[in-house]
Amino acid sequence: MPRLAAAQVRSITTTTVTCLHCGTPIPAGSRRDKMYCNNRCSALASYYRRKNGQPVPQRWQHPALTSDNPVLQAAAAHAKDLGQAHGWSESTVRCTLDGLALLLEERSADQPVLLSEIRARTSRHTSAPRVAEVLAGLGLFADDSVSSLNSWIDLRTGQLPAGFAADVREWLLVLLNGDARHHPRSPTSLYVYFGAIRPFLEGWAPTRGHLREITTTDIAAALHPLAGWQRRNAIAALRSLFRFAKKRKLIFANPAARLKGPEVDRHLLPMTDTEISTVEQLAVTPVQRLVVALTAVHAARPAAIRALTLDDLDLPNRRITLAGHTQRLGELPRRTLLTWLRQRRATWPHTPNRHVLITKRTALGTHPVSALYLQQEFIRQGMDLERIRSDRVLHEALTVGLDPLHLTLVFNLSHSTASRYAALAQKLLDTELDHAHPG
């Protein structure tokens, strides 16, 4: 399909071109902006042009900009304006115009272009998001794509035993999209919940054909081998599934109603000098140093760092807003911010993206960087941001005092999380006291 699309683009956007000096036809496979058949003709044309006082010939323009189709001409002009405003490279603009020429050559203004058509018909060099952005600005775009999570749900539930597949699919869709009384859950929650209950459903399938046939004894037997976080996550998933089934009248009684997740003993210790030194050695780029500084000083979560925008920064007054919580900007994050912002401005001076963290992909749009980007930059490099964040909160609890309210105000934590850190700090202090006075 990409080869066919490329051939269609050439047939639409190219015409027979002859050398401006000698009139020899230029081979069809040459660059579209080529005006002379060789360097000799180019040099001679320049010499005689200067000798005769003739003006420089007009530079090559993409045929879409002068097309007879008003829809294509308007889209091409809009693409050129977007490219200039957002700092698109010349190749990005040219390939976007190629895609528009292919899609709009014989299309009227009342026929929107589907995202699936953009992906299928344009060449592999054309950026589908850029073409979609141009068409959306003119009201000619329609998104008919299916969410990857919906496809994942259909795939995974289709592999379940027949008696459970339909109900589990509806449950996962409610978790994904939410309903009148519940907010949508994160994709991670869906993966964890489904991964927890899938072995149970496959184990019950030989003797049970529906959720209504599951008993408290079945659940207790399934949970018996589990412990710690594995057991806690499984209980949360079972409670969610059977609560949904009870609400939709798929079962008569809820066998998971009395389940309670165990309290998991969290053994959290401060970072060692070796761990701190390792992080300092691994964080070498400006963006890595910035993220580590925000995590180590302000205990910022990865999601809050990804969502941080330029409007959340007040550098003259040394203030920063993280996840809606305004606080004083530390000296280390301030220095790393200034270093990164200078590189950001030099690399993408015309980007429309207001997020602090951007990449060459997100610089062309307005979306934040993905969670996968942080994983590639840090987790795969051996830096655990959650470990650094937890160490910062624990250090505050050990240094300032065992006051959950103070932790809540400083780091915007929930009361339960702040109490947990205070309890951990108290446990560490008690352990140190026992070692100091063993008698």
Protein backbone atom coordinates (compact mmCIF):
# COMPACT_ATOMS: atom_id res chain seq x y z
CA MET A 1 0.00 0.00 0.00
CA PRO A 2 2.75 2.60 0.76
CA ARG A 3 4.38 2.02 -2.65
CA LEU A 4 1.02 2.46 -4.38
CA ALA A 5 0.38 5.64 -2.41
CA ALA A 6 3.79 7.06 -3.36
CA ALA A 7 3.14 6.32 -7.01
CA GLN A 8 -0.27 8.04 -6.81
CA VAL A 9 1.33 11.11 -5.21
CA ARG A 10 3.92 11.38 -8.02
CA SER A 11 1.20 11.09 -10.65
CA ILE A 12 -0.81 13.87 -9.02
CA THR A 13 1.93 16.32 -8.05
CA THR A 14 4.34 16.02 -10.99
CA THR A 15 4.17 17.13 -14.60
CA THR A 16 6.63 16.95 -17.47
CA VAL A 17 9.48 19.37 -16.66
CA THR A 18 12.20 20.57 -19.08
CA CYS A 19 15.53 22.20 -18.36
CA LEU A 20 15.18 25.99 -18.22
CA HIS A 21 18.42 26.45 -20.16
CA CYS A 22 18.58 23.78 -22.88
CA GLY A 23 15.02 22.48 -22.90
CA THR A 24 15.98 18.86 -22.35
CA PRO A 25 13.28 16.88 -20.51
CA ILE A 26 14.30 16.18 -16.90
CA PRO A 27 14.06 12.48 -15.97
CA ALA A 28 10.88 11.52 -14.18
CA GLY A 29 12.69 10.19 -11.10
CA SER A 30 14.43 13.49 -10.38
CA ARG A 31 13.60 15.88 -7.57
CA ARG A 32 10.41 17.79 -8.19
CA ASP A 33 12.11 21.17 -7.64
CA LYS A 34 14.91 20.45 -10.13
CA MET A 35 15.03 23.15 -12.87
CA TYR A 36 18.20 22.20 -14.79
CA CYS A 37 19.33 18.90 -16.25
CA ASN A 38 22.89 19.21 -14.87
CA ASN A 39 25.31 21.58 -13.14
CA ARG A 40 26.65 22.89 -16.45
CA CYS A 41 23.21 24.14 -17.53
CA SER A 42 22.69 25.66 -14.09
CA ALA A 43 25.99 27.58 -14.27
CA LEU A 44 25.38 28.76 -17.85
CA ALA A 45 21.85 29.87 -17.04
CA SER A 46 23.13 31.86 -14.08
CA TYR A 47 25.85 33.50 -16.21
CA TYR A 48 23.53 34.58 -19.04
CA ARG A 49 20.87 35.68 -16.55
CA ARG A 50 23.31 38.06 -14.86
CA LYS A 51 24.70 39.21 -18.22
CA ASN A 52 21.26 40.03 -19.61
CA GLY A 53 19.92 41.43 -16.32
CA GLN A 54 17.14 38.87 -16.13
CA PRO A 55 15.39 38.13 -12.84
CA VAL A 56 15.94 34.90 -10.88
CA PRO A 57 13.35 32.26 -11.90
CA GLN A 58 10.56 31.66 -9.44
CA ARG A 59 11.25 28.85 -6.97
CA TRP A 60 9.36 25.58 -7.28
CA GLN A 61 6.01 25.45 -5.52
CA HIS A 62 4.06 22.38 -4.58
CA PRO A 63 1.25 21.87 -7.13
CA ALA A 64 -1.29 21.59 -4.32
CA LEU A 65 -0.81 25.31 -3.56
CA THR A 66 -2.05 26.26 -7.05
CA SER A 67 -4.53 23.43 -7.58
CA ASP A 68 -7.79 24.00 -9.45
CA ASN A 69 -9.58 22.23 -6.60
CA PRO A 70 -10.51 24.96 -4.06
CA VAL A 71 -10.65 22.44 -1.22
CA LEU A 72 -7.13 21.18 -1.89
CA GLN A 73 -5.80 24.71 -2.41
CA ALA A 74 -7.29 25.89 0.91
CA ALA A 75 -5.91 22.84 2.74
CA ALA A 76 -2.45 23.34 1.22
CA ALA A 77 -2.40 27.00 2.26
CA HIS A 78 -3.51 26.06 5.76
CA ALA A 79 -0.78 23.41 5.97
CA LYS A 80 1.85 25.93 4.93
CA ASP A 81 0.64 28.42 7.57
CA LEU A 82 0.67 25.73 10.26
CA GLY A 83 4.15 24.69 9.24
CA GLN A 84 5.46 28.22 9.58
CA ALA A 85 3.68 28.82 12.90
CA HIS A 86 4.69 25.49 14.48
CA GLY A 87 8.20 25.18 13.09
CA TRP A 88 7.64 22.16 10.82
CA SER A 89 10.62 21.14 8.73
CA GLU A 90 10.48 21.56 4.96
CA SER A 91 10.24 17.81 4.47
CA THR A 92 7.32 17.59 6.93
CA VAL A 93 5.46 20.34 5.08
CA ARG A 94 6.19 18.77 1.68
CA CYS A 95 5.06 15.30 2.77
CA THR A 96 1.94 16.78 4.36
CA LEU A 97 1.10 18.50 1.08
CA ASP A 98 1.66 15.20 -0.73
CA GLY A 99 -0.84 13.51 1.57
CA LEU A 100 -3.39 16.29 1.12
CA ALA A 101 -2.99 16.15 -2.66
CA LEU A 102 -3.63 12.44 -2.62
CA LEU A 103 -6.68 12.65 -0.34
CA LEU A 104 -8.39 15.82 -1.63
CA GLU A 105 -7.69 15.82 -5.38
CA GLU A 106 -11.20 14.63 -6.27
CA ARG A 107 -13.07 15.38 -3.05
CA SER A 108 -15.71 18.02 -2.39
CA ALA A 109 -15.98 20.19 0.72
CA ASP A 110 -18.84 18.15 2.18
CA GLN A 111 -16.88 14.87 2.21
CA PRO A 112 -14.80 14.47 5.40
CA VAL A 113 -11.64 12.38 5.37
CA LEU A 114 -11.52 9.43 7.77
CA LEU A 115 -8.44 8.75 9.89
CA SER A 116 -8.38 5.17 8.62
CA GLU A 117 -8.22 6.50 5.04
CA ILE A 118 -5.32 8.79 5.92
CA ARG A 119 -3.37 5.88 7.40
CA ALA A 120 -4.15 3.55 4.49
CA ARG A 121 -3.61 5.82 1.50
CA THR A 122 -0.73 8.10 2.42
CA SER A 123 2.90 7.02 2.10
CA ARG A 124 5.02 6.00 5.05
CA HIS A 125 6.90 9.31 4.88
CA THR A 126 3.73 11.32 5.47
CA SER A 127 2.83 12.19 9.07
CA ALA A 128 -0.78 11.15 9.59
CA PRO A 129 -1.19 13.39 12.69
CA ARG A 130 -0.04 16.45 10.72
CA VAL A 131 -2.43 15.70 7.84
CA ALA A 132 -5.25 15.13 10.33
CA GLU A 133 -4.41 18.42 12.08
CA VAL A 134 -4.67 20.34 8.81
CA LEU A 135 -7.95 18.70 7.83
CA ALA A 136 -9.41 19.19 11.32
CA GLY A 137 -8.70 22.92 11.08
CA LEU A 138 -10.87 23.04 7.96
CA GLY A 139 -13.61 20.78 9.32
CA LEU A 140 -12.76 17.99 6.88
CA PHE A 141 -11.58 15.35 9.37
CA ALA A 142 -13.47 12.48 11.02
CA ASP A 143 -11.85 10.13 13.53
CA ASP A 144 -13.14 6.60 12.97
CA SER A 145 -10.32 4.86 14.83
CA VAL A 146 -10.99 2.33 17.56
CA SER A 147 -9.27 2.80 20.89
CA SER A 148 -6.37 0.42 21.43
CA LEU A 149 -7.80 -0.38 24.86
CA ASN A 150 -11.13 -1.37 23.32
CA SER A 151 -9.30 -3.68 20.94
CA TRP A 152 -7.31 -5.11 23.86
CA ILE A 153 -10.52 -5.73 25.82
CA ASP A 154 -12.14 -7.50 22.87
CA LEU A 155 -9.04 -9.62 22.31
CA ARG A 156 -8.52 -10.67 25.94
CA THR A 157 -12.15 -11.32 26.82
CA GLY A 158 -12.56 -13.30 23.61
CA GLN A 159 -10.03 -15.77 25.04
CA LEU A 160 -12.04 -16.32 28.24
CA PRO A 161 -14.49 -19.19 28.81
CA ALA A 162 -17.78 -18.49 27.05
CA GLY A 163 -19.84 -18.18 30.25
CA PHE A 164 -17.71 -15.33 31.62
CA ALA A 165 -16.55 -13.47 28.48
CA ALA A 166 -19.54 -11.14 27.91
CA ASP A 167 -19.91 -10.06 31.56
CA VAL A 168 -16.17 -9.45 32.02
CA ARG A 169 -16.09 -7.44 28.80
CA GLU A 170 -18.92 -5.17 30.00
CA TRP A 171 -17.17 -4.76 33.36
CA LEU A 172 -13.89 -3.71 31.72
CA LEU A 173 -15.71 -1.24 29.45
CA VAL A 174 -17.33 0.39 32.49
CA LEU A 175 -13.92 0.64 34.16
CA LEU A 176 -12.53 2.20 31.00
CA ASN A 177 -15.32 4.68 30.24
CA GLY A 178 -16.92 5.14 33.67
CA ASP A 179 -20.63 5.54 34.32
CA ALA A 180 -23.02 7.87 36.13
CA ARG A 181 -21.50 7.13 39.56
CA HIS A 182 -17.89 6.21 38.79
CA HIS A 183 -15.02 7.95 37.04
CA PRO A 184 -13.03 6.11 34.34
CA ARG A 185 -10.11 4.09 35.63
CA SER A 186 -6.59 4.27 34.28
CA PRO A 187 -5.38 1.71 31.71
CA THR A 188 -2.98 0.36 34.35
CA SER A 189 -5.93 -0.47 36.61
CA LEU A 190 -7.56 -2.44 33.80
CA TYR A 191 -4.39 -4.42 33.16
CA VAL A 192 -3.88 -5.19 36.85
CA TYR A 193 -7.51 -6.11 37.54
CA PHE A 194 -7.87 -8.35 34.50
CA GLY A 195 -4.51 -10.00 35.13
CA ALA A 196 -5.60 -10.75 38.70
CA ILE A 197 -8.97 -12.38 37.92
CA ARG A 198 -8.14 -14.18 34.67
CA PRO A 199 -6.52 -17.22 36.39
CA PHE A 200 -9.56 -17.48 38.70
CA LEU A 201 -12.03 -17.50 35.79
CA GLU A 202 -10.05 -20.12 33.89
CA GLY A 203 -9.84 -22.25 37.04
CA TRP A 204 -13.59 -22.01 37.68
CA ALA A 205 -14.57 -22.71 34.05
CA PRO A 206 -14.61 -26.58 34.27
CA THR A 207 -17.24 -26.55 37.06
CA ARG A 208 -18.84 -23.11 36.80
CA GLY A 209 -20.57 -21.62 33.77
CA HIS A 210 -21.54 -18.14 34.99
CA LEU A 211 -20.61 -15.54 37.59
CA ARG A 212 -23.82 -16.27 39.51
CA GLU A 213 -22.53 -19.78 40.23
CA ILE A 214 -19.39 -18.55 42.03
CA THR A 215 -19.54 -18.95 45.81
CA THR A 216 -17.56 -17.54 48.73
CA THR A 217 -15.87 -20.95 49.03
CA ASP A 218 -14.65 -20.74 45.44
CA ILE A 219 -13.22 -17.28 46.04
CA ALA A 220 -11.56 -18.30 49.31
CA ALA A 221 -9.93 -21.30 47.61
CA ALA A 222 -8.67 -19.13 44.75
CA LEU A 223 -7.20 -16.51 47.12
CA HIS A 224 -5.61 -19.01 49.52
CA PRO A 225 -2.19 -19.29 47.75
CA LEU A 226 -1.82 -15.50 47.39
CA ALA A 227 -0.18 -13.11 49.83
CA GLY A 228 0.95 -9.50 50.04
CA TRP A 229 0.25 -7.15 47.18
CA GLN A 230 -0.78 -9.99 44.89
CA ARG A 231 -3.59 -10.92 47.27
CA ARG A 232 -4.57 -7.30 47.85
CA ASN A 233 -4.86 -6.58 44.10
CA ALA A 234 -6.83 -9.78 43.51
CA ILE A 235 -9.33 -8.88 46.23
CA ALA A 236 -9.76 -5.38 44.80
CA ALA A 237 -10.41 -6.83 41.34
CA LEU A 238 -12.91 -9.41 42.63
CA ARG A 239 -14.81 -6.81 44.66
CA SER A 240 -15.02 -4.56 41.61
CA LEU A 241 -16.20 -7.36 39.29
CA PHE A 242 -18.88 -8.75 41.56
CA ARG A 243 -20.08 -5.30 42.63
CA PHE A 244 -20.59 -4.54 38.93
CA ALA A 245 -22.38 -7.87 38.41
CA LYS A 246 -24.68 -7.24 41.39
CA LYS A 247 -25.52 -3.75 40.18
CA ARG A 248 -26.39 -5.08 36.70
CA LYS A 249 -28.45 -7.94 38.25
CA LEU A 250 -26.18 -10.58 36.77
CA ILE A 251 -25.89 -12.36 40.12
CA PHE A 252 -28.24 -12.93 43.06
CA ALA A 253 -25.74 -12.42 45.90
CA ASN A 254 -22.30 -10.85 46.00
CA PRO A 255 -19.79 -13.48 47.17
CA ALA A 256 -17.01 -10.88 47.41
CA ALA A 257 -18.92 -8.40 49.57
CA ARG A 258 -17.12 -9.31 52.81
CA LEU A 259 -13.65 -9.54 51.34
CA LYS A 260 -11.08 -7.20 52.83
CA GLY A 261 -7.62 -6.62 51.49
CA PRO A 262 -4.75 -7.34 53.90
CA GLU A 263 -2.53 -4.59 55.21
CA VAL A 264 0.78 -4.97 53.43
CA ASP A 265 3.84 -4.31 55.54
CA ARG A 266 5.83 -1.69 53.64
CA HIS A 267 9.55 -1.87 54.30
CA LEU A 268 10.77 1.49 53.03
CA LEU A 269 14.27 2.62 53.91
CA PRO A 270 16.04 5.89 53.02
CA MET A 271 18.23 5.82 49.94
CA THR A 272 21.84 4.89 50.56
CA ASP A 273 24.80 7.01 49.52
CA THR A 274 25.53 4.51 46.77
CA GLU A 275 22.00 4.84 45.34
CA ILE A 276 22.21 8.63 45.41
CA SER A 277 25.61 8.59 43.71
CA THR A 278 24.27 6.23 41.03
CA VAL A 279 21.37 8.58 40.25
CA GLU A 280 23.76 11.53 40.02
CA GLN A 281 25.94 9.64 37.52
CA LEU A 282 23.02 8.41 35.39
CA ALA A 283 21.21 11.77 35.16
CA VAL A 284 23.39 13.46 32.55
CA THR A 285 21.03 15.22 30.10
CA PRO A 286 19.20 18.47 31.00
CA VAL A 287 15.79 16.79 30.88
CA GLN A 288 16.94 13.93 33.11
CA ARG A 289 18.41 16.36 35.64
CA LEU A 290 15.19 18.39 35.64
CA VAL A 291 12.95 15.40 36.28
CA VAL A 292 15.22 14.07 39.02
CA ALA A 293 15.35 17.51 40.66
CA LEU A 294 11.55 17.90 40.64
CA THR A 295 11.19 14.41 42.09
CA ALA A 296 13.93 14.72 44.70
CA VAL A 297 13.00 18.21 45.95
CA HIS A 298 9.23 18.49 45.42
CA ALA A 299 8.33 14.77 45.48
CA ALA A 300 6.54 15.28 42.16
CA ARG A 301 4.85 12.28 40.60
CA PRO A 302 5.71 11.37 36.99
CA ALA A 303 2.18 12.25 35.84
CA ALA A 304 2.47 15.73 37.41
CA ILE A 305 5.84 16.31 35.73
CA ARG A 306 4.47 15.24 32.34
CA ALA A 307 1.48 17.60 32.76
CA LEU A 308 3.62 20.57 33.89
CA THR A 309 3.19 23.55 31.53
CA LEU A 310 4.97 26.85 31.12
CA ASP A 311 1.95 28.56 32.70
CA ASP A 312 2.65 26.62 35.92
CA LEU A 313 6.05 28.30 36.30
CA ASP A 314 6.61 31.65 38.00
CA LEU A 315 10.39 31.89 37.83
CA PRO A 316 10.75 35.57 38.95
CA ASN A 317 8.84 34.78 42.16
CA ARG A 318 10.28 31.27 42.39
CA ARG A 319 6.91 29.51 42.48
CA ILE A 320 5.77 26.30 40.75
CA THR A 321 2.40 24.57 40.47
CA LEU A 322 2.50 20.77 40.43
CA ALA A 323 -0.81 18.88 40.10
CA GLY A 324 -2.69 22.03 41.14
CA HIS A 325 -0.55 22.58 44.25
CA THR A 326 1.43 25.83 44.23
CA GLN A 327 4.66 25.84 46.21
CA ARG A 328 8.02 27.56 46.43
CA LEU A 329 10.46 26.49 43.72
CA GLY A 330 13.66 24.99 45.13
CA GLU A 331 17.06 26.22 44.04
CA LEU A 332 18.11 22.96 42.35
CA PRO A 333 14.88 22.60 40.31
CA ARG A 334 15.16 26.29 39.35
CA ARG A 335 18.67 25.86 37.95
CA THR A 336 17.78 22.69 36.06
CA LEU A 337 14.60 24.34 34.74
CA LEU A 338 16.55 27.29 33.34
CA THR A 339 19.05 24.96 31.68
CA TRP A 340 16.32 22.83 30.09
CA LEU A 341 14.24 25.82 28.98
CA ARG A 342 17.25 27.31 27.19
CA GLN A 343 17.79 24.03 25.31
CA ARG A 344 14.05 23.72 24.65
CA ARG A 345 13.90 27.23 23.18
CA ALA A 346 16.97 26.68 21.02
CA THR A 347 15.75 23.32 19.69
CA TRP A 348 12.05 24.12 19.14
CA PRO A 349 11.70 27.92 18.96
CA HIS A 350 8.28 27.85 17.27
CA THR A 351 6.60 24.91 19.00
CA PRO A 352 2.93 25.44 19.96
CA ASN A 353 3.27 22.95 22.84
CA ARG A 354 3.04 24.63 26.25
CA HIS A 355 4.24 21.62 28.21
CA VAL A 356 7.65 21.93 29.83
CA LEU A 357 8.76 18.47 28.73
CA ILE A 358 8.54 18.00 24.97
CA THR A 359 10.19 15.78 22.39
CA LYS A 360 10.68 16.05 18.65
CA ARG A 361 7.34 14.26 18.27
CA THR A 362 5.24 16.25 20.77
CA ALA A 363 6.86 19.55 19.73
CA LEU A 364 4.67 19.50 16.61
CA GLY A 365 1.44 19.26 18.62
CA THR A 366 0.06 20.18 22.04
CA HIS A 367 0.03 16.85 23.89
CA PRO A 368 2.30 15.97 26.84
CA VAL A 369 5.01 13.35 26.58
CA SER A 370 3.88 9.79 27.18
CA ALA A 371 4.51 7.67 30.25
CA LEU A 372 6.60 5.41 27.98
CA TYR A 373 8.97 8.33 27.39
CA LEU A 374 9.74 8.58 31.11
CA GLN A 375 10.22 4.82 31.29
CA GLN A 376 12.74 4.94 28.46
CA GLU A 377 14.56 7.93 29.94
CA PHE A 378 14.72 6.75 33.54
CA ILE A 379 13.47 3.29 34.47
CA ARG A 380 15.37 1.58 31.66
CA GLN A 381 18.44 3.58 32.67
CA GLY A 382 18.24 2.23 36.21
CA MET A 383 16.60 5.25 37.89
CA ASP A 384 13.44 4.58 39.91
CA LEU A 385 11.54 7.86 40.18
CA GLU A 386 9.07 6.45 42.71
CA ARG A 387 11.97 5.38 44.90
CA ILE A 388 13.42 8.91 44.76
CA ARG A 389 10.03 10.45 45.51
CA SER A 390 9.36 8.17 48.48
CA ASP A 391 12.80 8.92 49.88
CA ARG A 392 12.07 12.67 49.74
CA VAL A 393 8.79 12.34 51.67
CA LEU A 394 10.35 10.00 54.21
CA HIS A 395 13.30 12.37 54.69
CA GLU A 396 10.87 15.22 55.37
CA ALA A 397 9.02 13.11 57.95
CA LEU A 398 12.26 12.15 59.69
CA THR A 399 13.70 15.69 59.63
CA VAL A 400 10.77 17.97 60.41
CA GLY A 401 8.60 15.71 62.56
CA LEU A 402 6.06 12.92 62.48
CA ASP A 403 3.19 15.21 61.52
CA PRO A 404 0.91 13.90 58.75
CA LEU A 405 -0.67 17.32 58.34
CA HIS A 406 2.72 18.87 57.54
CA LEU A 407 3.39 16.21 54.89
CA THR A 408 -0.06 16.78 53.41
CA LEU A 409 0.48 20.53 53.10
CA VAL A 410 4.03 20.32 51.75
CA PHE A 411 3.61 17.50 49.21
CA ASN A 412 -0.16 17.59 48.53
CA LEU A 413 -0.59 14.03 49.84
CA SER A 414 -3.82 12.41 50.94
CA HIS A 415 -4.32 12.03 54.68
CA SER A 416 -3.94 8.25 54.54
CA THR A 417 -0.69 8.46 52.54
CA ALA A 418 0.74 11.11 54.85
CA SER A 419 -0.16 8.99 57.89
CA ARG A 420 1.56 5.99 56.31
CA TYR A 421 4.80 7.92 55.82
CA ALA A 422 4.61 9.24 59.39
CA ALA A 423 4.16 5.69 60.69
CA LEU A 424 7.12 4.48 58.61
CA ALA A 425 9.28 7.29 59.96
CA GLN A 426 8.22 6.42 63.51
CA LYS A 427 9.11 2.79 62.92
CA LEU A 428 12.56 3.75 61.62
CA LEU A 429 13.19 5.99 64.61
CA ASP A 430 12.09 3.25 67.02
CA THR A 431 14.37 0.74 65.30
CA GLU A 432 17.32 3.11 65.51
CA LEU A 433 16.58 3.72 69.19
CA ASP A 434 16.49 -0.03 69.89
CA HIS A 435 19.85 -0.48 68.21
CA ALA A 436 21.32 2.41 70.19
CA HIS A 437 20.01 1.05 73.51
CA PRO A 438 19.72 -2.73 73.16
CA GLY A 439 19.17 -3.23 76.90
